[in-house]
Protein backbone atom coordinates (compact mmCIF):
# COMPACT_ATOMS: atom_id res chain seq x y z
CA GLN A 1 67.06 158.58 49.28
CA VAL A 2 68.68 162.00 49.28
CA GLN A 3 68.68 164.37 52.23
CA LEU A 4 69.19 168.11 51.78
CA VAL A 5 70.06 170.43 54.65
CA GLU A 6 70.11 174.16 54.06
CA SER A 7 71.80 176.94 55.97
CA GLY A 8 72.66 180.59 55.59
CA GLY A 9 69.41 182.52 55.43
CA GLY A 10 68.74 185.66 57.41
CA LEU A 11 67.96 189.35 57.41
CA VAL A 12 69.95 191.79 55.30
CA GLN A 13 69.56 195.35 54.11
CA THR A 14 68.99 196.30 50.49
CA GLY A 15 72.22 195.99 48.57
CA GLY A 16 73.65 193.44 50.95
CA SER A 17 74.78 189.87 50.39
CA LEU A 18 73.99 186.43 51.73
CA ARG A 19 75.19 182.95 50.89
CA LEU A 20 72.96 179.92 51.14
CA SER A 21 74.37 176.42 51.46
CA CYS A 22 72.73 173.09 50.71
CA ALA A 23 74.48 169.95 51.90
CA ALA A 24 73.41 166.70 50.29
CA SER A 25 73.73 163.26 51.82
CA GLY A 26 72.48 159.78 51.10
CA SER A 27 72.35 158.55 47.52
CA ILE A 28 74.28 161.51 46.16
CA PHE A 29 75.62 159.47 43.25
CA SER A 30 72.12 159.53 41.77
CA ILE A 31 71.81 163.34 41.72
CA ILE A 32 71.79 164.79 38.20
CA GLN A 33 70.85 168.36 38.95
CA MET A 34 70.49 170.65 41.95
CA GLY A 35 68.90 174.02 42.23
CA TRP A 36 67.44 176.77 44.32
CA TYR A 37 63.81 177.83 44.27
CA ARG A 38 62.05 180.51 46.25
CA GLN A 39 58.53 181.24 47.35
CA ALA A 40 57.34 184.63 48.48
CA PRO A 41 54.08 185.05 50.45
CA GLY A 42 51.08 184.69 48.16
CA LYS A 43 53.21 183.66 45.19
CA GLN A 44 54.09 180.42 43.51
CA ARG A 45 57.43 178.74 44.02
CA GLU A 46 59.84 179.78 41.28
CA LEU A 47 63.21 178.63 40.03
CA VAL A 48 66.09 180.88 41.02
CA ALA A 49 69.11 178.96 39.73
CA GLY A 50 70.15 175.45 38.79
CA ILE A 51 73.36 173.53 38.20
CA THR A 52 73.72 170.19 36.47
CA ARG A 53 76.10 167.39 37.31
CA GLY A 54 78.16 168.58 34.34
CA GLY A 55 78.37 172.10 35.75
CA THR A 56 75.94 173.85 33.43
CA THR A 57 74.11 176.65 35.21
CA ASN A 58 70.90 178.54 34.56
CA TYR A 59 69.30 181.52 36.26
CA ALA A 60 66.01 183.31 36.47
CA ASP A 61 66.15 186.60 34.60
CA SER A 62 65.40 188.47 37.81
CA VAL A 63 68.64 187.31 39.46
CA LYS A 64 71.08 187.18 36.55
CA GLY A 65 74.21 189.16 37.31
CA ARG A 66 73.44 189.24 41.04
CA PHE A 67 73.22 185.59 42.12
CA THR A 68 75.74 182.81 41.51
CA ILE A 69 75.15 179.11 41.98
CA SER A 70 78.17 176.90 42.57
CA ARG A 71 79.07 173.56 44.08
CA ASP A 72 81.79 171.85 46.03
CA ASN A 73 81.81 168.21 45.01
CA ALA A 74 84.16 167.23 47.82
CA LYS A 75 81.63 168.54 50.35
CA ASN A 76 78.53 167.51 48.38
CA THR A 77 77.33 171.05 48.83
CA VAL A 78 75.70 173.58 46.54
CA TYR A 79 75.85 177.29 47.25
CA LEU A 80 73.83 180.30 46.22
CA GLN A 81 75.76 183.54 46.53
CA MET A 82 73.30 186.42 46.52
CA ASN A 83 74.61 189.94 45.98
CA SER A 84 72.90 193.29 45.50
CA LEU A 85 69.84 191.97 47.27
CA LYS A 86 66.52 193.72 46.80
CA PRO A 87 63.34 193.68 48.90
CA GLU A 88 61.66 191.66 46.14
CA ASP A 89 64.18 188.87 46.81
CA THR A 90 62.50 188.29 50.16
CA ALA A 91 61.20 184.73 50.23
CA VAL A 92 61.73 181.26 51.61
CA TYR A 93 64.50 179.67 49.58
CA TYR A 94 64.44 175.93 48.95
CA CYS A 95 67.21 173.70 47.72
CA ASN A 96 66.19 170.81 45.50
CA ALA A 97 67.80 167.86 43.79
CA PHE A 98 66.72 165.75 40.85
CA SER A 99 67.74 162.13 41.02
CA THR A 100 67.90 159.29 38.54
CA THR A 101 66.00 157.10 40.98
CA THR A 102 62.83 159.14 41.51
CA ARG A 103 60.47 161.18 39.36
CA ASP A 104 59.90 163.92 41.91
CA PRO A 105 62.77 166.04 43.22
CA TYR A 106 64.00 166.08 46.79
CA TRP A 107 63.59 169.30 48.77
CA GLY A 108 65.40 170.98 51.60
CA GLN A 109 63.61 172.41 54.62
CA GLY A 110 63.67 176.01 53.37
CA SER A 111 65.59 179.07 54.51
CA GLN A 112 64.04 182.46 55.10
CA VAL A 113 65.73 185.37 53.36
CA THR A 114 64.45 188.82 54.26
CA VAL A 115 65.73 191.97 52.59
CA SER A 116 64.79 195.19 54.32
CA SER A 117 64.39 198.45 52.44
C-alpha cells in the first residue's frame, strides 16, 4: 500500500505562483512513477506532469515552460512548482503514483488551486 498526502493548494492571482507537495509513505520502494493530474469542474481529469523513478519528466502542452515537477527522494516527496498561473489552471490537483504491485495507481486526496483573474 502507498499513501499520498498533498499540500500547498490555495488562491492566487493571475501570474502568481504556487507549489504543491505530495508526500508518499508505505511501500514507496514499489513506486515507479509519480505525477500530478487536475480536474476542472465539468471536465475530465487530465495529466499535468509526471516523473519516473529514473527522473524522466513529461508535461502537458498547456503547462510546459510554466510548471516544473521535481522530487526529493530523501523526503519521499514530489513537488509541482506552478508559475505564471492562469485562470484556466483552476482545478483540483491530484497526486498519483504507479506501483509495481498494483494495476491501478494510488491517488492523493486532491488540492484545490484557484487562480483569480
